N, C-alpha and C. Protein backbone atom coordinates (compact mmCIF):
# COMPACT_ATOMS: atom_id res chain seq x y z
N MET A 1 23.57 31.22 -31.33
CA MET A 1 23.93 30.63 -32.60
C MET A 1 25.30 29.97 -32.47
N ARG A 2 25.40 28.77 -33.04
CA ARG A 2 26.71 28.15 -33.20
C ARG A 2 27.26 28.63 -34.53
N LEU A 3 28.46 29.18 -34.49
CA LEU A 3 29.11 29.69 -35.69
C LEU A 3 30.38 28.89 -35.92
N TYR A 4 30.52 28.38 -37.15
CA TYR A 4 31.71 27.65 -37.55
C TYR A 4 32.42 28.50 -38.59
N VAL A 5 33.62 28.95 -38.27
CA VAL A 5 34.40 29.79 -39.18
C VAL A 5 35.48 28.90 -39.78
N MET A 6 35.47 28.75 -41.10
CA MET A 6 36.38 27.82 -41.76
C MET A 6 37.15 28.51 -42.88
N ARG A 7 38.45 28.25 -42.90
CA ARG A 7 39.26 28.72 -44.02
C ARG A 7 39.20 27.65 -45.11
N HIS A 8 39.22 28.08 -46.35
CA HIS A 8 39.21 27.16 -47.48
C HIS A 8 40.40 26.20 -47.39
N GLY A 9 40.28 25.07 -48.09
CA GLY A 9 41.36 24.09 -48.14
C GLY A 9 42.51 24.55 -49.02
N THR A 10 43.57 23.78 -49.01
CA THR A 10 44.75 24.07 -49.82
C THR A 10 44.36 24.11 -51.30
N ALA A 11 44.81 25.15 -51.98
CA ALA A 11 44.46 25.34 -53.39
C ALA A 11 45.68 25.14 -54.28
N GLU A 12 45.41 24.94 -55.55
CA GLU A 12 46.47 24.89 -56.56
C GLU A 12 47.19 26.24 -56.59
N GLU A 13 48.44 26.20 -57.00
CA GLU A 13 49.23 27.44 -57.06
C GLU A 13 48.72 28.40 -58.12
N GLN A 14 48.18 27.86 -59.21
CA GLN A 14 47.69 28.70 -60.30
C GLN A 14 46.40 28.12 -60.86
N ALA A 15 45.58 28.98 -61.39
CA ALA A 15 44.39 28.55 -62.13
C ALA A 15 44.71 28.58 -63.62
N ASP A 16 44.01 27.79 -64.40
CA ASP A 16 44.20 27.81 -65.85
C ASP A 16 44.00 29.22 -66.42
N SER A 17 43.10 29.96 -65.81
CA SER A 17 42.81 31.32 -66.28
C SER A 17 43.88 32.32 -65.89
N GLY A 18 44.72 31.96 -64.92
CA GLY A 18 45.72 32.90 -64.42
C GLY A 18 45.15 33.87 -63.39
N ILE A 19 43.88 33.73 -63.06
CA ILE A 19 43.21 34.62 -62.11
C ILE A 19 43.19 33.95 -60.74
N ASP A 20 43.65 34.65 -59.72
CA ASP A 20 43.73 34.08 -58.37
C ASP A 20 42.38 33.56 -57.88
N ALA A 21 41.32 34.29 -58.13
CA ALA A 21 39.99 33.89 -57.64
C ALA A 21 39.52 32.56 -58.23
N ASP A 22 40.13 32.13 -59.33
CA ASP A 22 39.74 30.89 -60.00
C ASP A 22 40.54 29.68 -59.53
N ARG A 23 41.47 29.84 -58.60
CA ARG A 23 42.29 28.70 -58.17
C ARG A 23 41.44 27.66 -57.47
N PRO A 24 41.45 26.40 -57.98
CA PRO A 24 40.67 25.33 -57.36
C PRO A 24 41.44 24.68 -56.21
N LEU A 25 40.73 23.88 -55.43
CA LEU A 25 41.39 23.09 -54.40
C LEU A 25 42.32 22.07 -55.03
N SER A 26 43.42 21.80 -54.35
CA SER A 26 44.31 20.72 -54.77
C SER A 26 43.72 19.40 -54.29
N ALA A 27 44.30 18.29 -54.75
CA ALA A 27 43.85 16.97 -54.28
C ALA A 27 44.01 16.87 -52.77
N LEU A 28 45.13 17.34 -52.23
CA LEU A 28 45.34 17.34 -50.78
C LEU A 28 44.30 18.22 -50.09
N GLY A 29 44.02 19.37 -50.68
CA GLY A 29 43.01 20.26 -50.10
C GLY A 29 41.65 19.61 -50.01
N ARG A 30 41.26 18.90 -51.07
CA ARG A 30 39.96 18.20 -51.05
C ARG A 30 39.93 17.11 -49.99
N ARG A 31 41.00 16.35 -49.87
CA ARG A 31 41.04 15.29 -48.85
C ARG A 31 41.00 15.87 -47.44
N ARG A 32 41.74 16.95 -47.23
CA ARG A 32 41.78 17.55 -45.90
C ARG A 32 40.42 18.15 -45.53
N VAL A 33 39.77 18.81 -46.45
CA VAL A 33 38.44 19.37 -46.17
C VAL A 33 37.46 18.24 -45.85
N ARG A 34 37.53 17.15 -46.59
CA ARG A 34 36.66 16.00 -46.32
C ARG A 34 36.90 15.48 -44.91
N ALA A 35 38.18 15.34 -44.51
CA ALA A 35 38.51 14.85 -43.16
C ALA A 35 37.97 15.79 -42.08
N VAL A 36 38.08 17.09 -42.32
CA VAL A 36 37.55 18.07 -41.36
C VAL A 36 36.03 17.94 -41.26
N ALA A 37 35.37 17.84 -42.40
CA ALA A 37 33.90 17.70 -42.39
C ALA A 37 33.47 16.42 -41.69
N GLU A 38 34.18 15.33 -41.93
CA GLU A 38 33.86 14.07 -41.24
C GLU A 38 34.04 14.21 -39.74
N SER A 39 35.06 14.94 -39.32
CA SER A 39 35.28 15.17 -37.89
C SER A 39 34.14 16.00 -37.29
N LEU A 40 33.70 17.01 -38.01
CA LEU A 40 32.58 17.82 -37.53
C LEU A 40 31.33 16.94 -37.34
N VAL A 41 31.07 16.08 -38.30
CA VAL A 41 29.90 15.19 -38.21
C VAL A 41 30.04 14.26 -37.01
N SER A 42 31.22 13.68 -36.83
CA SER A 42 31.40 12.72 -35.73
C SER A 42 31.25 13.38 -34.36
N GLU A 43 31.46 14.68 -34.29
CA GLU A 43 31.31 15.41 -33.03
C GLU A 43 29.95 16.10 -32.90
N GLY A 44 29.07 15.90 -33.86
CA GLY A 44 27.76 16.54 -33.82
C GLY A 44 27.82 18.04 -34.03
N GLU A 45 28.82 18.48 -34.79
CA GLU A 45 29.02 19.91 -35.02
C GLU A 45 28.80 20.30 -36.48
N ASP A 46 27.96 19.57 -37.19
CA ASP A 46 27.74 19.87 -38.59
C ASP A 46 26.79 21.07 -38.74
N PRO A 47 27.08 21.94 -39.70
CA PRO A 47 26.27 23.14 -39.88
C PRO A 47 24.93 22.84 -40.55
N LEU A 48 23.98 23.74 -40.34
CA LEU A 48 22.67 23.66 -41.01
C LEU A 48 22.61 24.59 -42.21
N SER A 49 23.53 25.54 -42.27
CA SER A 49 23.66 26.40 -43.45
C SER A 49 25.12 26.81 -43.58
N ILE A 50 25.52 27.05 -44.82
CA ILE A 50 26.90 27.45 -45.11
C ILE A 50 26.86 28.66 -46.01
N PHE A 51 27.67 29.64 -45.68
CA PHE A 51 27.85 30.82 -46.52
C PHE A 51 29.32 30.88 -46.89
N THR A 52 29.60 31.11 -48.17
CA THR A 52 30.96 31.05 -48.66
C THR A 52 31.32 32.26 -49.51
N SER A 53 32.58 32.57 -49.50
CA SER A 53 33.15 33.54 -50.42
C SER A 53 32.91 33.04 -51.84
N PRO A 54 32.83 33.93 -52.82
CA PRO A 54 32.63 33.49 -54.21
C PRO A 54 33.90 32.94 -54.87
N LEU A 55 35.06 33.01 -54.24
CA LEU A 55 36.27 32.48 -54.84
C LEU A 55 36.17 30.96 -54.96
N VAL A 56 36.66 30.41 -56.05
CA VAL A 56 36.47 28.99 -56.38
C VAL A 56 36.92 28.08 -55.24
N ARG A 57 38.07 28.31 -54.65
CA ARG A 57 38.57 27.42 -53.59
C ARG A 57 37.65 27.41 -52.37
N ALA A 58 37.02 28.53 -52.06
CA ALA A 58 36.09 28.59 -50.93
C ALA A 58 34.78 27.89 -51.29
N VAL A 59 34.28 28.11 -52.51
CA VAL A 59 33.04 27.46 -52.93
C VAL A 59 33.22 25.94 -52.94
N GLN A 60 34.37 25.47 -53.44
CA GLN A 60 34.62 24.03 -53.45
C GLN A 60 34.70 23.48 -52.02
N THR A 61 35.31 24.22 -51.12
CA THR A 61 35.37 23.81 -49.71
C THR A 61 33.96 23.68 -49.15
N ALA A 62 33.13 24.68 -49.36
CA ALA A 62 31.75 24.66 -48.86
C ALA A 62 30.96 23.49 -49.45
N GLU A 63 31.16 23.22 -50.74
CA GLU A 63 30.45 22.12 -51.39
C GLU A 63 30.84 20.77 -50.79
N ILE A 64 32.12 20.58 -50.49
CA ILE A 64 32.57 19.32 -49.89
C ILE A 64 31.97 19.17 -48.50
N VAL A 65 32.00 20.24 -47.70
CA VAL A 65 31.42 20.18 -46.35
C VAL A 65 29.93 19.86 -46.46
N ALA A 66 29.23 20.49 -47.37
CA ALA A 66 27.80 20.24 -47.54
C ALA A 66 27.53 18.79 -47.92
N LEU A 67 28.34 18.25 -48.81
CA LEU A 67 28.17 16.87 -49.24
C LEU A 67 28.42 15.89 -48.10
N VAL A 68 29.53 16.07 -47.40
CA VAL A 68 29.91 15.15 -46.31
C VAL A 68 28.92 15.22 -45.15
N THR A 69 28.43 16.40 -44.85
CA THR A 69 27.53 16.56 -43.71
C THR A 69 26.07 16.27 -44.06
N GLY A 70 25.78 16.02 -45.34
CA GLY A 70 24.40 15.77 -45.73
C GLY A 70 23.53 17.00 -45.58
N LEU A 71 24.11 18.15 -45.80
CA LEU A 71 23.40 19.41 -45.59
C LEU A 71 22.08 19.47 -46.37
N GLY A 72 22.10 19.07 -47.63
CA GLY A 72 20.88 19.11 -48.43
C GLY A 72 19.79 18.20 -47.91
N ASP A 73 20.19 17.06 -47.34
CA ASP A 73 19.21 16.11 -46.79
C ASP A 73 18.50 16.68 -45.57
N LYS A 74 19.13 17.66 -44.91
CA LYS A 74 18.55 18.27 -43.71
C LYS A 74 17.85 19.58 -44.04
N GLY A 75 17.71 19.87 -45.33
CA GLY A 75 17.06 21.11 -45.73
C GLY A 75 17.95 22.32 -45.63
N GLY A 76 19.25 22.09 -45.46
CA GLY A 76 20.20 23.20 -45.36
C GLY A 76 20.59 23.76 -46.71
N THR A 77 21.26 24.87 -46.67
CA THR A 77 21.61 25.56 -47.91
C THR A 77 23.07 26.01 -47.90
N VAL A 78 23.61 26.21 -49.10
CA VAL A 78 24.91 26.83 -49.29
C VAL A 78 24.66 28.12 -50.06
N GLY A 79 25.11 29.24 -49.50
CA GLY A 79 24.94 30.52 -50.16
C GLY A 79 26.27 31.19 -50.41
N VAL A 80 26.42 31.79 -51.58
CA VAL A 80 27.63 32.53 -51.92
C VAL A 80 27.39 33.99 -51.55
N ARG A 81 28.32 34.54 -50.77
CA ARG A 81 28.16 35.92 -50.28
C ARG A 81 29.45 36.72 -50.46
N ARG A 82 29.35 37.86 -51.06
CA ARG A 82 30.52 38.73 -51.22
C ARG A 82 31.02 39.25 -49.87
N ASP A 83 30.15 39.23 -48.85
CA ASP A 83 30.56 39.66 -47.51
C ASP A 83 31.75 38.85 -47.00
N ILE A 84 31.91 37.63 -47.50
CA ILE A 84 32.97 36.76 -47.00
C ILE A 84 34.17 36.74 -47.96
N ALA A 85 34.05 37.42 -49.09
CA ALA A 85 35.18 37.53 -50.02
C ALA A 85 36.29 38.35 -49.35
N PRO A 86 37.51 38.27 -49.87
CA PRO A 86 38.58 39.09 -49.29
C PRO A 86 38.15 40.56 -49.20
N ASP A 87 38.40 41.14 -48.05
CA ASP A 87 38.06 42.54 -47.74
C ASP A 87 36.55 42.79 -47.71
N GLY A 88 35.76 41.73 -47.50
CA GLY A 88 34.31 41.89 -47.35
C GLY A 88 33.97 42.28 -45.92
N ASN A 89 32.70 42.18 -45.57
CA ASN A 89 32.26 42.55 -44.23
C ASN A 89 31.56 41.35 -43.57
N ALA A 90 32.35 40.36 -43.22
CA ALA A 90 31.81 39.14 -42.61
C ALA A 90 31.18 39.41 -41.25
N VAL A 91 31.68 40.39 -40.53
CA VAL A 91 31.12 40.72 -39.21
C VAL A 91 29.67 41.13 -39.37
N ARG A 92 29.39 41.97 -40.35
CA ARG A 92 28.00 42.40 -40.59
C ARG A 92 27.12 41.20 -40.92
N LEU A 93 27.62 40.30 -41.77
CA LEU A 93 26.86 39.11 -42.13
C LEU A 93 26.56 38.25 -40.90
N VAL A 94 27.57 38.02 -40.07
CA VAL A 94 27.38 37.18 -38.87
C VAL A 94 26.36 37.82 -37.93
N HIS A 95 26.44 39.11 -37.72
CA HIS A 95 25.47 39.77 -36.85
C HIS A 95 24.05 39.68 -37.43
N HIS A 96 23.94 39.79 -38.74
CA HIS A 96 22.63 39.67 -39.40
C HIS A 96 22.07 38.26 -39.21
N LEU A 97 22.91 37.24 -39.40
CA LEU A 97 22.46 35.85 -39.24
C LEU A 97 22.05 35.57 -37.80
N ALA A 98 22.81 36.09 -36.85
CA ALA A 98 22.46 35.90 -35.44
C ALA A 98 21.13 36.58 -35.12
N ALA A 99 20.93 37.78 -35.64
CA ALA A 99 19.69 38.52 -35.40
C ALA A 99 18.48 37.79 -36.00
N GLU A 100 18.70 37.06 -37.11
CA GLU A 100 17.63 36.28 -37.73
C GLU A 100 17.28 35.03 -36.95
N GLY A 101 18.11 34.68 -35.98
CA GLY A 101 17.87 33.47 -35.21
C GLY A 101 18.45 32.21 -35.82
N SER A 102 19.42 32.36 -36.71
CA SER A 102 20.08 31.20 -37.30
C SER A 102 20.70 30.35 -36.20
N LYS A 103 20.78 29.04 -36.41
CA LYS A 103 21.23 28.13 -35.35
C LYS A 103 22.67 27.65 -35.52
N ARG A 104 22.98 26.95 -36.60
CA ARG A 104 24.32 26.38 -36.82
C ARG A 104 24.79 26.79 -38.20
N VAL A 105 25.61 27.83 -38.23
CA VAL A 105 26.02 28.45 -39.48
C VAL A 105 27.53 28.33 -39.66
N MET A 106 27.94 27.98 -40.88
CA MET A 106 29.36 27.98 -41.23
C MET A 106 29.62 29.09 -42.24
N VAL A 107 30.72 29.81 -42.05
CA VAL A 107 31.19 30.74 -43.06
C VAL A 107 32.55 30.22 -43.52
N VAL A 108 32.75 30.21 -44.85
CA VAL A 108 33.99 29.74 -45.44
C VAL A 108 34.63 30.91 -46.17
N GLY A 109 35.87 31.22 -45.76
CA GLY A 109 36.52 32.38 -46.35
C GLY A 109 38.03 32.27 -46.36
N HIS A 110 38.66 33.43 -46.16
CA HIS A 110 40.09 33.60 -46.43
C HIS A 110 40.79 34.34 -45.29
N GLU A 111 42.08 34.17 -45.25
CA GLU A 111 42.92 34.94 -44.34
C GLU A 111 43.36 36.21 -45.06
N PRO A 112 43.59 37.31 -44.35
CA PRO A 112 43.51 37.48 -42.90
C PRO A 112 42.12 37.84 -42.39
N ASP A 113 41.14 37.82 -43.29
CA ASP A 113 39.78 38.26 -42.93
C ASP A 113 39.16 37.41 -41.82
N LEU A 114 39.40 36.09 -41.86
CA LEU A 114 38.78 35.22 -40.84
C LEU A 114 39.36 35.48 -39.46
N SER A 115 40.66 35.69 -39.38
CA SER A 115 41.27 36.03 -38.08
C SER A 115 40.70 37.33 -37.54
N ARG A 116 40.51 38.29 -38.43
CA ARG A 116 39.91 39.57 -38.01
C ARG A 116 38.48 39.37 -37.54
N LEU A 117 37.72 38.53 -38.25
CA LEU A 117 36.33 38.25 -37.86
C LEU A 117 36.29 37.66 -36.45
N VAL A 118 37.07 36.62 -36.21
CA VAL A 118 37.06 35.97 -34.90
C VAL A 118 37.58 36.92 -33.82
N SER A 119 38.61 37.69 -34.13
CA SER A 119 39.13 38.66 -33.16
C SER A 119 38.09 39.71 -32.82
N THR A 120 37.35 40.17 -33.81
CA THR A 120 36.31 41.16 -33.57
C THR A 120 35.22 40.58 -32.68
N LEU A 121 34.81 39.35 -32.95
CA LEU A 121 33.74 38.73 -32.17
C LEU A 121 34.17 38.43 -30.73
N LEU A 122 35.41 37.93 -30.57
CA LEU A 122 35.88 37.52 -29.24
C LEU A 122 36.63 38.62 -28.47
N GLY A 123 37.06 39.66 -29.15
CA GLY A 123 37.88 40.69 -28.51
C GLY A 123 39.35 40.50 -28.80
N SER A 124 39.78 39.24 -29.01
CA SER A 124 41.14 38.93 -29.45
C SER A 124 41.16 37.47 -29.87
N PHE A 125 42.11 37.14 -30.72
CA PHE A 125 42.22 35.75 -31.15
C PHE A 125 43.67 35.38 -31.38
N GLY A 126 44.63 35.86 -31.34
CA GLY A 126 46.05 35.59 -31.37
C GLY A 126 46.59 34.53 -32.30
N ARG A 127 45.86 34.09 -33.32
CA ARG A 127 46.46 33.14 -34.26
C ARG A 127 45.82 33.26 -35.63
N ALA A 128 46.57 32.82 -36.61
CA ALA A 128 46.06 32.81 -37.98
C ALA A 128 45.37 31.48 -38.25
N PHE A 129 44.50 31.46 -39.23
CA PHE A 129 43.82 30.24 -39.65
C PHE A 129 44.71 29.47 -40.60
N ASP A 130 44.93 28.19 -40.29
CA ASP A 130 45.56 27.30 -41.25
C ASP A 130 44.50 26.93 -42.28
N LYS A 131 44.95 26.43 -43.42
CA LYS A 131 43.99 26.02 -44.44
C LYS A 131 43.15 24.85 -43.93
N ALA A 132 41.85 24.94 -44.14
CA ALA A 132 40.84 23.96 -43.72
C ALA A 132 40.59 23.96 -42.21
N MET A 133 41.13 24.92 -41.49
CA MET A 133 40.90 25.01 -40.04
C MET A 133 39.49 25.53 -39.78
N VAL A 134 38.89 25.05 -38.69
CA VAL A 134 37.56 25.51 -38.26
C VAL A 134 37.65 26.00 -36.83
N VAL A 135 37.06 27.16 -36.59
CA VAL A 135 36.92 27.68 -35.23
C VAL A 135 35.43 27.69 -34.93
N GLY A 136 35.06 27.03 -33.83
CA GLY A 136 33.67 26.98 -33.41
C GLY A 136 33.42 28.02 -32.32
N LEU A 137 32.39 28.82 -32.51
CA LEU A 137 32.02 29.87 -31.56
C LEU A 137 30.57 29.70 -31.15
N HIS A 138 30.24 30.22 -29.99
CA HIS A 138 28.85 30.32 -29.55
C HIS A 138 28.54 31.79 -29.44
N LEU A 139 27.52 32.22 -30.14
CA LEU A 139 27.06 33.61 -30.09
C LEU A 139 25.69 33.62 -29.43
N PRO A 140 25.66 33.76 -28.10
CA PRO A 140 24.37 33.75 -27.41
C PRO A 140 23.62 35.06 -27.67
N SER A 141 22.32 35.00 -27.69
CA SER A 141 21.56 36.23 -27.86
C SER A 141 21.72 37.06 -26.58
N GLY A 142 22.19 38.26 -26.76
CA GLY A 142 22.36 39.16 -25.63
C GLY A 142 23.60 38.93 -24.79
N GLY A 143 24.48 38.02 -25.19
CA GLY A 143 25.69 37.76 -24.41
C GLY A 143 26.93 37.87 -25.27
N ALA A 144 28.06 37.72 -24.61
CA ALA A 144 29.34 37.81 -25.32
C ALA A 144 29.66 36.49 -26.02
N PRO A 145 30.15 36.56 -27.26
CA PRO A 145 30.56 35.34 -27.96
C PRO A 145 31.65 34.60 -27.20
N LYS A 146 31.64 33.27 -27.34
CA LYS A 146 32.62 32.43 -26.64
C LYS A 146 33.24 31.44 -27.62
N LEU A 147 34.54 31.22 -27.45
CA LEU A 147 35.23 30.21 -28.23
C LEU A 147 34.82 28.85 -27.73
N ARG A 148 34.41 27.96 -28.64
CA ARG A 148 34.01 26.60 -28.28
C ARG A 148 35.11 25.60 -28.59
N PHE A 149 35.71 25.70 -29.78
CA PHE A 149 36.77 24.77 -30.15
C PHE A 149 37.54 25.30 -31.35
N ILE A 150 38.73 24.74 -31.53
CA ILE A 150 39.54 24.96 -32.73
C ILE A 150 39.83 23.58 -33.30
N LEU A 151 39.45 23.36 -34.53
CA LEU A 151 39.72 22.10 -35.22
C LEU A 151 40.88 22.33 -36.17
N ASP A 152 42.04 21.84 -35.77
CA ASP A 152 43.25 21.99 -36.57
C ASP A 152 43.34 20.81 -37.52
N PRO A 153 43.26 21.03 -38.81
CA PRO A 153 43.24 19.92 -39.77
C PRO A 153 44.54 19.12 -39.78
N LYS A 154 45.62 19.69 -39.32
CA LYS A 154 46.89 18.95 -39.31
C LYS A 154 46.88 17.80 -38.31
N THR A 155 45.94 17.82 -37.37
CA THR A 155 45.87 16.74 -36.38
C THR A 155 45.02 15.57 -36.86
N LEU A 156 44.37 15.72 -38.01
CA LEU A 156 43.50 14.68 -38.52
C LEU A 156 44.24 13.78 -39.51
N ARG A 157 43.82 12.54 -39.57
CA ARG A 157 44.40 11.61 -40.54
C ARG A 157 43.81 11.91 -41.91
N VAL A 158 44.68 12.14 -42.87
CA VAL A 158 44.25 12.38 -44.24
C VAL A 158 44.86 11.26 -45.08
N ASP A 159 44.02 10.40 -45.64
CA ASP A 159 44.50 9.27 -46.42
C ASP A 159 45.22 9.74 -47.67
N SER A 160 46.25 9.00 -48.05
CA SER A 160 46.95 9.29 -49.29
C SER A 160 46.07 8.85 -50.45
N PRO A 161 46.36 9.34 -51.66
CA PRO A 161 45.52 8.99 -52.82
C PRO A 161 45.46 7.49 -53.08
N SER A 162 46.47 6.74 -52.66
CA SER A 162 46.47 5.30 -52.94
C SER A 162 45.69 4.51 -51.89
N SER A 163 45.23 5.16 -50.83
CA SER A 163 44.51 4.46 -49.76
C SER A 163 43.08 4.20 -50.15
């Protein structure tokens, strides 16, 4: 299975509700997520399914990736899973998806949970996820997971709102 682990994009400092889980993506966050998704498509690394934390900023990130990659046109799905919420059990979810024979799966979540997920799968990972960062892994059946790539969103061109 190809696994794409993505942190949500940059979010607003506060939600209208005052509840952290309701914080939406900022304009910069939306542009950066779009640039990351476009990069995934250009490299042939677009997911066939996406699972996201239920927090608004993660759901919005997953929706942008799905839109840019044409996920719905390929019969793919976006699912909201509490396993990927802060302090969830993303490792259990990933193992379940791999056992089902899933092919190209993206999980969208939060720090520090994503670093722990990748560290658990690889044995170590030595860095935190920046916002909108994607780590690509290969989880072979019966073999050890391998790091395939790290897509650092800071290296991508993100157009300003006036562009």
